[in-house]
Amino acid sequence: PTQQNTRIISDYGTDNFEEILPTQDYKDQYLDGKNIK
C-alpha cells in the first residue's frame, strides 16, 4: 500500500472512522498563523 502521511482509515465494525493527521509543514504554517492572529 502507498504510504499515506496524512490519512489513517480504520474500520470499527460497521462504522468508518477517518482521522486527518497534519503534516509537519501544515503544523508550522498553522502555528505561524496562530501567532500572527
Full PDB file with SEQRES, HELIX, SHEET, SSBOND, CRYST1, ORIGX, SCALE, CONECT and MASTER records, all heavy atoms in Angstrom:
SEQRES   1 A   37  PRO THR GLN GLN ASN THR ARG ILE ILE SER ASP TYR GLY          
SEQRES   2 A   37  THR ASP ASN PHE GLU GLU ILE LEU PRO THR GLN ASP TYR          
SEQRES   3 A   37  LYS ASP GLN TYR LEU ASP GLY LYS ASN ILE LYS                  
HELIX    1 AA1 GLN A   24  ILE A   36  1                                  13    
SHEET    1 AA1 2 ARG A   7  TYR A  12  0                                        
SHEET    2 AA1 2 ASP A  15  ILE A  20 -1                                        
CRYST1    1.000    1.000    1.000  90.00  90.00  90.00 P 1           1          
ORIGX1      1.000000  0.000000  0.000000        0.00000                         
ORIGX2      0.000000  1.000000  0.000000        0.00000                         
ORIGX3      0.000000  0.000000  1.000000        0.00000                         
SCALE1      1.000000  0.000000  0.000000        0.00000                         
SCALE2      0.000000  1.000000  0.000000        0.00000                         
SCALE3      0.000000  0.000000  1.000000        0.00000                         
ATOM      1  N   PRO A   1       0.822  -1.234   0.000  1.00  0.00           N  
ATOM      2  CA  PRO A   1       0.000   0.000   0.000  1.00  0.00           C  
ATOM      3  C   PRO A   1       0.847   1.271   0.000  1.00  0.00           C  
ATOM      4  O   PRO A   1       1.928   1.308   0.583  1.00  0.00           O  
ATOM      5  CB  PRO A   1      -0.802  -0.101   1.320  1.00  0.00           C  
ATOM      6  CG  PRO A   1       0.024  -0.981   2.193  1.00  0.00           C  
ATOM      7  CD  PRO A   1       0.707  -1.965   1.276  1.00  0.00           C  
ATOM      8  N   THR A   2       0.333   2.268  -0.753  1.00  0.00           N  
ATOM      9  CA  THR A   2       1.062   3.546  -0.824  1.00  0.00           C  
ATOM     10  C   THR A   2       1.064   4.210   0.545  1.00  0.00           C  
ATOM     11  O   THR A   2       0.062   4.263   1.243  1.00  0.00           O  
ATOM     12  CB  THR A   2       0.370   4.493  -1.817  1.00  0.00           C  
ATOM     13  OG1 THR A   2       0.291   3.823  -3.082  1.00  0.00           O  
ATOM     14  CG2 THR A   2       1.147   5.800  -1.981  1.00  0.00           C  
ATOM     15  N   GLN A   3       2.259   4.738   0.881  1.00  0.00           N  
ATOM     16  CA  GLN A   3       2.378   5.362   2.204  1.00  0.00           C  
ATOM     17  C   GLN A   3       1.579   6.652   2.236  1.00  0.00           C  
ATOM     18  O   GLN A   3       1.691   7.485   1.364  1.00  0.00           O  
ATOM     19  CB  GLN A   3       3.859   5.651   2.492  1.00  0.00           C  
ATOM     20  CG  GLN A   3       4.063   6.224   3.906  1.00  0.00           C  
ATOM     21  CD  GLN A   3       5.536   6.413   4.202  1.00  0.00           C  
ATOM     22  OE1 GLN A   3       6.380   6.120   3.353  1.00  0.00           O  
ATOM     23  NE2 GLN A   3       5.836   6.897   5.387  1.00  0.00           N  
ATOM     24  N   GLN A   4       0.730   6.773   3.185  1.00  0.00           N  
ATOM     25  CA  GLN A   4      -0.100   7.965   3.346  1.00  0.00           C  
ATOM     26  C   GLN A   4       0.255   8.654   4.651  1.00  0.00           C  
ATOM     27  O   GLN A   4       0.057   8.121   5.717  1.00  0.00           O  
ATOM     28  CB  GLN A   4      -1.587   7.591   3.357  1.00  0.00           C  
ATOM     29  CG  GLN A   4      -2.009   6.924   2.058  1.00  0.00           C  
ATOM     30  CD  GLN A   4      -3.468   6.529   2.110  1.00  0.00           C  
ATOM     31  OE1 GLN A   4      -4.101   6.711   3.125  1.00  0.00           O  
ATOM     32  NE2 GLN A   4      -3.967   5.998   0.996  1.00  0.00           N  
ATOM     33  N   ASN A   5       0.807   9.840   4.491  1.00  0.00           N  
ATOM     34  CA  ASN A   5       1.233  10.573   5.677  1.00  0.00           C  
ATOM     35  C   ASN A   5       0.088  11.315   6.346  1.00  0.00           C  
ATOM     36  O   ASN A   5       0.164  11.666   7.507  1.00  0.00           O  
ATOM     37  CB  ASN A   5       2.300  11.609   5.297  1.00  0.00           C  
ATOM     38  CG  ASN A   5       3.586  10.911   4.838  1.00  0.00           C  
ATOM     39  OD1 ASN A   5       3.888   9.834   5.326  1.00  0.00           O  
ATOM     40  ND2 ASN A   5       4.318  11.537   3.910  1.00  0.00           N  
ATOM     41  N   THR A   6      -0.966  11.560   5.535  1.00  0.00           N  
ATOM     42  CA  THR A   6      -1.980  12.453   6.070  1.00  0.00           C  
ATOM     43  C   THR A   6      -3.267  11.754   6.418  1.00  0.00           C  
ATOM     44  O   THR A   6      -4.193  12.395   6.886  1.00  0.00           O  
ATOM     45  CB  THR A   6      -2.289  13.555   5.048  1.00  0.00           C  
ATOM     46  OG1 THR A   6      -2.797  12.962   3.867  1.00  0.00           O  
ATOM     47  CG2 THR A   6      -1.038  14.372   4.728  1.00  0.00           C  
ATOM     48  N   ARG A   7      -3.429  10.429   6.199  1.00  0.00           N  
ATOM     49  CA  ARG A   7      -4.715   9.807   6.402  1.00  0.00           C  
ATOM     50  C   ARG A   7      -4.564   8.378   6.955  1.00  0.00           C  
ATOM     51  O   ARG A   7      -3.769   7.583   6.473  1.00  0.00           O  
ATOM     52  CB  ARG A   7      -5.464   9.758   5.081  1.00  0.00           C  
ATOM     53  CG  ARG A   7      -6.916   9.367   5.180  1.00  0.00           C  
ATOM     54  CD  ARG A   7      -7.536   9.420   3.803  1.00  0.00           C  
ATOM     55  NE  ARG A   7      -7.502  10.760   3.264  1.00  0.00           N  
ATOM     56  CZ  ARG A   7      -8.466  11.659   3.440  1.00  0.00           C  
ATOM     57  NH1 ARG A   7      -9.542  11.324   4.112  1.00  0.00           N  
ATOM     58  NH2 ARG A   7      -8.379  12.854   2.917  1.00  0.00           N  
ATOM     59  N   ILE A   8      -5.285   8.066   7.982  1.00  0.00           N  
ATOM     60  CA  ILE A   8      -5.371   6.705   8.518  1.00  0.00           C  
ATOM     61  C   ILE A   8      -6.824   6.334   8.537  1.00  0.00           C  
ATOM     62  O   ILE A   8      -7.647   7.077   9.065  1.00  0.00           O  
ATOM     63  CB  ILE A   8      -4.787   6.605   9.942  1.00  0.00           C  
ATOM     64  CG1 ILE A   8      -3.283   6.871   9.910  1.00  0.00           C  
ATOM     65  CG2 ILE A   8      -5.082   5.232  10.539  1.00  0.00           C  
ATOM     66  CD1 ILE A   8      -2.660   6.871  11.275  1.00  0.00           C  
ATOM     67  N   ILE A   9      -7.159   5.199   7.915  1.00  0.00           N  
ATOM     68  CA  ILE A   9      -8.546   4.756   7.856  1.00  0.00           C  
ATOM     69  C   ILE A   9      -8.668   3.465   8.629  1.00  0.00           C  
ATOM     70  O   ILE A   9      -7.942   2.510   8.379  1.00  0.00           O  
ATOM     71  CB  ILE A   9      -8.994   4.528   6.393  1.00  0.00           C  
ATOM     72  CG1 ILE A   9      -8.854   5.838   5.613  1.00  0.00           C  
ATOM     73  CG2 ILE A   9     -10.420   4.021   6.348  1.00  0.00           C  
ATOM     74  CD1 ILE A   9      -9.156   5.691   4.154  1.00  0.00           C  
ATOM     75  N   SER A  10      -9.537   3.434   9.577  1.00  0.00           N  
ATOM     76  CA  SER A  10      -9.743   2.246  10.395  1.00  0.00           C  
ATOM     77  C   SER A  10     -11.205   1.887  10.364  1.00  0.00           C  
ATOM     78  O   SER A  10     -12.062   2.757  10.331  1.00  0.00           O  
ATOM     79  CB  SER A  10      -9.308   2.508  11.840  1.00  0.00           C  
ATOM     80  OG  SER A  10      -7.947   2.919  11.856  1.00  0.00           O  
ATOM     81  N   ASP A  11     -11.425   0.606  10.338  1.00  0.00           N  
ATOM     82  CA  ASP A  11     -12.800   0.116  10.357  1.00  0.00           C  
ATOM     83  C   ASP A  11     -13.114  -0.442  11.726  1.00  0.00           C  
ATOM     84  O   ASP A  11     -12.372  -1.231  12.271  1.00  0.00           O  
ATOM     85  CB  ASP A  11     -12.990  -0.985   9.305  1.00  0.00           C  
ATOM     86  CG  ASP A  11     -12.848  -0.450   7.894  1.00  0.00           C  
ATOM     87  OD1 ASP A  11     -13.093   0.766   7.697  1.00  0.00           O  
ATOM     88  OD2 ASP A  11     -12.497  -1.228   7.016  1.00  0.00           O  
ATOM     89  N   TYR A  12     -14.267   0.072  12.264  1.00  0.00           N  
ATOM     90  CA  TYR A  12     -14.726  -0.452  13.546  1.00  0.00           C  
ATOM     91  C   TYR A  12     -16.119  -0.994  13.332  1.00  0.00           C  
ATOM     92  O   TYR A  12     -17.084  -0.253  13.323  1.00  0.00           O  
ATOM     93  CB  TYR A  12     -14.752   0.651  14.607  1.00  0.00           C  
ATOM     94  CG  TYR A  12     -13.380   1.130  15.000  1.00  0.00           C  
ATOM     95  CD1 TYR A  12     -12.798   2.223  14.367  1.00  0.00           C  
ATOM     96  CD2 TYR A  12     -12.664   0.471  15.997  1.00  0.00           C  
ATOM     97  CE1 TYR A  12     -11.537   2.655  14.732  1.00  0.00           C  
ATOM     98  CE2 TYR A  12     -11.412   0.907  16.362  1.00  0.00           C  
ATOM     99  CZ  TYR A  12     -10.853   2.002  15.734  1.00  0.00           C  
ATOM    100  OH  TYR A  12      -9.610   2.443  16.086  1.00  0.00           O  
ATOM    101  N   GLY A  13     -16.154  -2.342  13.085  1.00  0.00           N  
ATOM    102  CA  GLY A  13     -17.461  -2.958  12.848  1.00  0.00           C  
ATOM    103  C   GLY A  13     -18.057  -2.423  11.559  1.00  0.00           C  
ATOM    104  O   GLY A  13     -17.459  -2.475  10.500  1.00  0.00           O  
ATOM    105  N   THR A  14     -19.217  -1.780  11.683  1.00  0.00           N  
ATOM    106  CA  THR A  14     -19.905  -1.228  10.510  1.00  0.00           C  
ATOM    107  C   THR A  14     -19.668   0.256  10.353  1.00  0.00           C  
ATOM    108  O   THR A  14     -20.138   0.863   9.408  1.00  0.00           O  
ATOM    109  CB  THR A  14     -21.424  -1.463  10.650  1.00  0.00           C  
ATOM    110  OG1 THR A  14     -21.866  -0.848  11.840  1.00  0.00           O  
ATOM    111  CG2 THR A  14     -21.723  -2.939  10.689  1.00  0.00           C  
ATOM    112  N   ASP A  15     -18.963   0.923  11.298  1.00  0.00           N  
ATOM    113  CA  ASP A  15     -18.705   2.373  11.229  1.00  0.00           C  
ATOM    114  C   ASP A  15     -17.350   2.639  10.635  1.00  0.00           C  
ATOM    115  O   ASP A  15     -16.379   1.945  10.933  1.00  0.00           O  
ATOM    116  CB  ASP A  15     -18.769   3.010  12.627  1.00  0.00           C  
ATOM    117  CG  ASP A  15     -20.160   2.865  13.217  1.00  0.00           C  
ATOM    118  OD1 ASP A  15     -21.120   2.859  12.421  1.00  0.00           O  
ATOM    119  OD2 ASP A  15     -20.256   2.767  14.459  1.00  0.00           O  
ATOM    120  N   ASN A  16     -17.256   3.639   9.779  1.00  0.00           N  
ATOM    121  CA  ASN A  16     -15.976   4.058   9.221  1.00  0.00           C  
ATOM    122  C   ASN A  16     -15.436   5.224  10.016  1.00  0.00           C  
ATOM    123  O   ASN A  16     -16.143   6.182  10.279  1.00  0.00           O  
ATOM    124  CB  ASN A  16     -16.139   4.480   7.760  1.00  0.00           C  
ATOM    125  CG  ASN A  16     -16.471   3.297   6.882  1.00  0.00           C  
ATOM    126  OD1 ASN A  16     -16.006   2.193   7.155  1.00  0.00           O  
ATOM    127  ND2 ASN A  16     -17.266   3.518   5.833  1.00  0.00           N  
ATOM    128  N   PHE A  17     -14.220   5.162  10.397  1.00  0.00           N  
ATOM    129  CA  PHE A  17     -13.590   6.206  11.188  1.00  0.00           C  
ATOM    130  C   PHE A  17     -12.470   6.803  10.363  1.00  0.00           C  
ATOM    131  O   PHE A  17     -11.632   6.088   9.845  1.00  0.00           O  
ATOM    132  CB  PHE A  17     -13.028   5.620  12.489  1.00  0.00           C  
ATOM    133  CG  PHE A  17     -12.200   6.609  13.277  1.00  0.00           C  
ATOM    134  CD1 PHE A  17     -12.802   7.562  14.068  1.00  0.00           C  
ATOM    135  CD2 PHE A  17     -10.818   6.571  13.213  1.00  0.00           C  
ATOM    136  CE1 PHE A  17     -12.051   8.461  14.789  1.00  0.00           C  
ATOM    137  CE2 PHE A  17     -10.070   7.462  13.954  1.00  0.00           C  
ATOM    138  CZ  PHE A  17     -10.673   8.411  14.743  1.00  0.00           C  
ATOM    139  N   GLU A  18     -12.488   8.154  10.205  1.00  0.00           N  
ATOM    140  CA  GLU A  18     -11.471   8.826   9.395  1.00  0.00           C  
ATOM    141  C   GLU A  18     -10.842   9.934  10.212  1.00  0.00           C  
ATOM    142  O   GLU A  18     -11.539  10.751  10.788  1.00  0.00           O  
ATOM    143  CB  GLU A  18     -12.111   9.386   8.126  1.00  0.00           C  
ATOM    144  CG  GLU A  18     -11.090  10.069   7.207  1.00  0.00           C  
ATOM    145  CD  GLU A  18     -11.727  10.483   5.893  1.00  0.00           C  
ATOM    146  OE1 GLU A  18     -11.850   9.635   5.014  1.00  0.00           O  
ATOM    147  OE2 GLU A  18     -12.121  11.653   5.781  1.00  0.00           O  
ATOM    148  N   GLU A  19      -9.541   9.971  10.257  1.00  0.00           N  
ATOM    149  CA  GLU A  19      -8.816  10.976  11.040  1.00  0.00           C  
ATOM    150  C   GLU A  19      -7.786  11.622  10.156  1.00  0.00           C  
ATOM    151  O   GLU A  19      -7.067  10.936   9.426  1.00  0.00           O  
ATOM    152  CB  GLU A  19      -8.124  10.323  12.233  1.00  0.00           C  
ATOM    153  CG  GLU A  19      -7.345  11.324  13.078  1.00  0.00           C  
ATOM    154  CD  GLU A  19      -6.624  10.621  14.216  1.00  0.00           C  
ATOM    155  OE1 GLU A  19      -6.766   9.398  14.310  1.00  0.00           O  
ATOM    156  OE2 GLU A  19      -5.922  11.296  14.953  1.00  0.00           O  
ATOM    157  N   ILE A  20      -7.746  12.958  10.180  1.00  0.00           N  
ATOM    158  CA  ILE A  20      -6.776  13.712   9.384  1.00  0.00           C  
ATOM    159  C   ILE A  20      -5.579  14.017  10.261  1.00  0.00           C  
ATOM    160  O   ILE A  20      -5.714  14.585  11.332  1.00  0.00           O  
ATOM    161  CB  ILE A  20      -7.379  15.031   8.873  1.00  0.00           C  
ATOM    162  CG1 ILE A  20      -8.651  14.752   8.086  1.00  0.00           C  
ATOM    163  CG2 ILE A  20      -6.396  15.802   8.012  1.00  0.00           C  
ATOM    164  CD1 ILE A  20      -8.455  13.904   6.872  1.00  0.00           C  
ATOM    165  N   LEU A  21      -4.399  13.610   9.798  1.00  0.00           N  
ATOM    166  CA  LEU A  21      -3.173  13.907  10.524  1.00  0.00           C  
ATOM    167  C   LEU A  21      -2.418  14.980   9.769  1.00  0.00           C  
ATOM    168  O   LEU A  21      -2.013  14.766   8.629  1.00  0.00           O  
ATOM    169  CB  LEU A  21      -2.306  12.647  10.647  1.00  0.00           C  
ATOM    170  CG  LEU A  21      -2.918  11.510  11.472  1.00  0.00           C  
ATOM    171  CD1 LEU A  21      -1.922  10.345  11.492  1.00  0.00           C  
ATOM    172  CD2 LEU A  21      -3.226  11.958  12.869  1.00  0.00           C  
ATOM    173  N   PRO A  22      -2.201  16.139  10.361  1.00  0.00           N  
ATOM    174  CA  PRO A  22      -1.495  17.219   9.657  1.00  0.00           C  
ATOM    175  C   PRO A  22      -0.031  16.885   9.451  1.00  0.00           C  
ATOM    176  O   PRO A  22       0.602  16.250  10.282  1.00  0.00           O  
ATOM    177  CB  PRO A  22      -1.668  18.421  10.598  1.00  0.00           C  
ATOM    178  CG  PRO A  22      -1.855  17.817  11.940  1.00  0.00           C  
ATOM    179  CD  PRO A  22      -2.579  16.519  11.719  1.00  0.00           C  
ATOM    180  N   THR A  23       0.471  17.353   8.319  1.00  0.00           N  
ATOM    181  CA  THR A  23       1.897  17.181   8.066  1.00  0.00           C  
ATOM    182  C   THR A  23       2.672  18.205   8.864  1.00  0.00           C  
ATOM    183  O   THR A  23       2.124  19.160   9.393  1.00  0.00           O  
ATOM    184  CB  THR A  23       2.194  17.384   6.570  1.00  0.00           C  
ATOM    185  OG1 THR A  23       1.798  18.706   6.216  1.00  0.00           O  
ATOM    186  CG2 THR A  23       1.417  16.379   5.719  1.00  0.00           C  
ATOM    187  N   GLN A  24       3.975  18.062   8.887  1.00  0.00           N  
ATOM    188  CA  GLN A  24       4.807  18.972   9.665  1.00  0.00           C  
ATOM    189  C   GLN A  24       4.747  20.378   9.106  1.00  0.00           C  
ATOM    190  O   GLN A  24       4.697  21.361   9.841  1.00  0.00           O  
ATOM    191  CB  GLN A  24       6.261  18.467   9.678  1.00  0.00           C  
ATOM    192  CG  GLN A  24       7.179  19.276  10.596  1.00  0.00           C  
ATOM    193  CD  GLN A  24       6.742  19.182  12.056  1.00  0.00           C  
ATOM    194  OE1 GLN A  24       6.289  18.138  12.504  1.00  0.00           O  
ATOM    195  NE2 GLN A  24       6.857  20.297  12.767  1.00  0.00           N  
ATOM    196  N   ASP A  25       4.720  20.482   7.729  1.00  0.00           N  
ATOM    197  CA  ASP A  25       4.639  21.819   7.125  1.00  0.00           C  
ATOM    198  C   ASP A  25       3.350  22.504   7.505  1.00  0.00           C  
ATOM    199  O   ASP A  25       3.322  23.693   7.782  1.00  0.00           O  
ATOM    200  CB  ASP A  25       4.731  21.701   5.595  1.00  0.00           C  
ATOM    201  CG  ASP A  25       6.110  21.242   5.156  1.00  0.00           C  
ATOM    202  OD1 ASP A  25       7.053  21.411   5.949  1.00  0.00           O  
ATOM    203  OD2 ASP A  25       6.227  20.742   4.014  1.00  0.00           O  
ATOM    204  N   TYR A  26       2.283  21.744   7.471  1.00  0.00           N  
ATOM    205  CA  TYR A  26       0.982  22.315   7.825  1.00  0.00           C  
ATOM    206  C   TYR A  26       0.972  22.777   9.270  1.00  0.00           C  
ATOM    207  O   TYR A  26       0.442  23.835   9.610  1.00  0.00           O  
ATOM    208  CB  TYR A  26      -0.110  21.274   7.587  1.00  0.00           C  
ATOM    209  CG  TYR A  26      -1.482  21.800   7.902  1.00  0.00           C  
ATOM    210  CD1 TYR A  26      -2.177  22.559   6.974  1.00  0.00           C  
ATOM    211  CD2 TYR A  26      -2.071  21.549   9.139  1.00  0.00           C  
ATOM    212  CE1 TYR A  26      -3.440  23.037   7.247  1.00  0.00           C  
ATOM    213  CE2 TYR A  26      -3.332  22.037   9.431  1.00  0.00           C  
ATOM    214  CZ  TYR A  26      -4.011  22.775   8.476  1.00  0.00           C  
ATOM    215  OH  TYR A  26      -5.255  23.257   8.768  1.00  0.00           O  
ATOM    216  N   LYS A  27       1.608  21.963  10.141  1.00  0.00           N  
ATOM    217  CA  LYS A  27       1.693  22.355  11.557  1.00  0.00           C  
ATOM    218  C   LYS A  27       2.440  23.667  11.711  1.00  0.00           C  
ATOM    219  O   LYS A  27       2.031  24.553  12.468  1.00  0.00           O  
ATOM    220  CB  LYS A  27       2.396  21.267  12.369  1.00  0.00           C  
ATOM    221  CG  LYS A  27       1.571  20.020  12.570  1.00  0.00           C  
ATOM    222  CD  LYS A  27       2.346  19.035  13.416  1.00  0.00           C  
ATOM    223  CE  LYS A  27       1.524  17.763  13.673  1.00  0.00           C  
ATOM    224  NZ  LYS A  27       2.284  16.787  14.473  1.00  0.00           N  
ATOM    225  N   ASP A  28       3.547  23.807  10.973  1.00  0.00           N  
ATOM    226  CA  ASP A  28       4.332  25.039  11.082  1.00  0.00           C  
ATOM    227  C   ASP A  28       3.528  26.247  10.612  1.00  0.00           C  
ATOM    228  O   ASP A  28       3.530  27.311  11.244  1.00  0.00           O  
ATOM    229  CB  ASP A  28       5.612  24.914  10.259  1.00  0.00           C  
ATOM    230  CG  ASP A  28       6.538  23.844  10.840  1.00  0.00           C  
ATOM    231  OD1 ASP A  28       6.351  23.515  12.036  1.00  0.00           O  
ATOM    232  OD2 ASP A  28       7.412  23.365  10.113  1.00  0.00           O  
ATOM    233  N   GLN A  29       2.823  26.066   9.458  1.00  0.00           N  
ATOM    234  CA  GLN A  29       2.010  27.165   8.951  1.00  0.00           C  
ATOM    235  C   GLN A  29       0.903  27.529   9.934  1.00  0.00           C  
ATOM    236  O   GLN A  29       0.581  28.691  10.151  1.00  0.00           O  
ATOM    237  CB  GLN A  29       1.392  26.785   7.603  1.00  0.00           C  
ATOM    238  CG  GLN A  29       2.440  26.640   6.501  1.00  0.00           C  
ATOM    239  CD  GLN A  29       1.816  26.108   5.216  1.00  0.00           C  
ATOM    240  OE1 GLN A  29       0.603  25.937   5.159  1.00  0.00           O  
ATOM    241  NE2 GLN A  29       2.650  25.868   4.215  1.00  0.00           N  
ATOM    242  N   TYR A  30       0.302  26.514  10.511  1.00  0.00           N  
ATOM    243  CA  TYR A  30      -0.787  26.748  11.469  1.00  0.00           C  
ATOM    244  C   TYR A  30      -0.298  27.530  12.676  1.00  0.00           C  
ATOM    245  O   TYR A  30      -0.910  28.492  13.116  1.00  0.00           O  
ATOM    246  CB  TYR A  30      -1.364  25.403  11.897  1.00  0.00           C  
ATOM    247  CG  TYR A  30      -2.362  25.511  13.021  1.00  0.00           C  
ATOM    248  CD1 TYR A  30      -3.649  25.952  12.759  1.00  0.00           C  
ATOM    249  CD2 TYR A  30      -2.000  25.192  14.329  1.00  0.00           C  
ATOM    250  CE1 TYR A  30      -4.575  26.065  13.783  1.00  0.00           C  
ATOM    251  CE2 TYR A  30      -2.912  25.305  15.353  1.00  0.00           C  
ATOM    252  CZ  TYR A  30      -4.195  25.731  15.073  1.00  0.00           C  
ATOM    253  OH  TYR A  30      -5.096  25.830  16.084  1.00  0.00           O  
ATOM    254  N   LEU A  31       0.897  27.086  13.193  1.00  0.00           N  
ATOM    255  CA  LEU A  31       1.440  27.767  14.362  1.00  0.00           C  
ATOM    256  C   LEU A  31       1.814  29.201  14.034  1.00  0.00           C  
ATOM    257  O   LEU A  31       1.588  30.124  14.825  1.00  0.00           O  
ATOM    258  CB  LEU A  31       2.642  26.997  14.913  1.00  0.00           C  
ATOM    259  CG  LEU A  31       2.315  25.633  15.541  1.00  0.00           C  
ATOM    260  CD1 LEU A  31       3.598  24.917  15.918  1.00  0.00           C  
ATOM    261  CD2 LEU A  31       1.425  25.807  16.761  1.00  0.00           C  
ATOM    262  N   ASP A  32       2.420  29.417  12.836  1.00  0.00           N  
ATOM    263  CA  ASP A  32       2.783  30.778  12.440  1.00  0.00           C  
ATOM    264  C   ASP A  32       1.542  31.651  12.320  1.00  0.00           C  
ATOM    265  O   ASP A  32       1.498  32.791  12.778  1.00  0.00           O  
ATOM    266  CB  ASP A  32       3.529  30.765  11.103  1.00  0.00           C  
ATOM    267  CG  ASP A  32       4.918  30.156  11.260  1.00  0.00           C  
ATOM    268  OD1 ASP A  32       5.391  30.090  12.414  1.00  0.00           O  
ATOM    269  OD2 ASP A  32       5.516  29.765  10.247  1.00  0.00           O  
ATOM    270  N   GLY A  33       0.478  31.110  11.699  1.00  0.00           N  
ATOM    271  CA  GLY A  33      -0.767  31.863  11.553  1.00  0.00           C  
ATOM    272  C   GLY A  33      -1.387  32.188  12.897  1.00  0.00           C  
ATOM    273  O   GLY A  33      -1.912  33.274  13.127  1.00  0.00           O  
ATOM    274  N   LYS A  34      -1.344  31.203  13.790  1.00  0.00           N  
ATOM    275  CA  LYS A  34      -1.902  31.423  15.123  1.00  0.00           C  
ATOM    276  C   LYS A  34      -1.161  32.530  15.844  1.00  0.00           C  
ATOM    277  O   LYS A  34      -1.750  33.410  16.477  1.00  0.00           O  
ATOM    278  CB  LYS A  34      -1.837  30.133  15.921  1.00  0.00           C  
ATOM    279  CG  LYS A  34      -2.491  30.228  17.287  1.00  0.00           C  
ATOM    280  CD  LYS A  34      -2.442  28.893  17.985  1.00  0.00           C  
ATOM    281  CE  LYS A  34      -3.086  28.984  19.364  1.00  0.00           C  
ATOM    282  NZ  LYS A  34      -3.015  27.706  20.086  1.00  0.00           N  
ATOM    283  N   ASN A  35       0.170  32.525  15.725  1.00  0.00           N  
ATOM    284  CA  ASN A  35       0.954  33.557  16.388  1.00  0.00           C  
ATOM    285  C   ASN A  35       0.648  34.936  15.800  1.00  0.00           C  
ATOM    286  O   ASN A  35       0.572  35.938  16.497  1.00  0.00           O  
ATOM    287  CB  ASN A  35       2.443  33.259  16.233  1.00  0.00           C  
ATOM    288  CG  ASN A  35       2.850  32.019  17.041  1.00  0.00           C  
ATOM    289  OD1 ASN A  35       2.190  31.690  18.025  1.00  0.00           O  
ATOM    290  ND2 ASN A  35       3.916  31.339  16.624  1.00  0.00           N  
ATOM    291  N   ILE A  36       0.467  34.974  14.448  1.00  0.00           N  
ATOM    292  CA  ILE A  36       0.148  36.256  13.805  1.00  0.00           C  
ATOM    293  C   ILE A  36      -1.182  36.779  14.303  1.00  0.00           C  
ATOM    294  O   ILE A  36      -1.339  37.954  14.613  1.00  0.00           O  
ATOM    295  CB  ILE A  36       0.135  36.081  12.272  1.00  0.00           C  
ATOM    296  CG1 ILE A  36       1.559  35.816  11.776  1.00  0.00           C  
ATOM    297  CG2 ILE A  36      -0.456  37.316  11.591  1.00  0.00           C  
ATOM    298  CD1 ILE A  36       1.635  35.435  10.314  1.00  0.00           C  
ATOM    299  N   LYS A  37      -2.192  35.883  14.373  1.00  0.00           N  
ATOM    300  CA  LYS A  37      -3.515  36.298  14.846  1.00  0.00           C  
ATOM    301  C   LYS A  37      -3.465  36.795  16.278  1.00  0.00           C  
ATOM    302  O   LYS A  37      -4.122  37.751  16.644  1.00  0.00           O  
ATOM    303  CB  LYS A  37      -4.497  35.134  14.734  1.00  0.00           C  
ATOM    304  CG  LYS A  37      -4.885  34.823  13.301  1.00  0.00           C  
ATOM    305  CD  LYS A  37      -5.893  33.696  13.264  1.00  0.00           C  
ATOM    306  CE  LYS A  37      -6.305  33.396  11.819  1.00  0.00           C  
ATOM    307  NZ  LYS A  37      -7.287  32.303  11.754  1.00  0.00           N  
TER     308      LYS A  37                                                      
MASTER        0    0    0    1    2    0    0    6  307    1    0    3          
END                                                                             
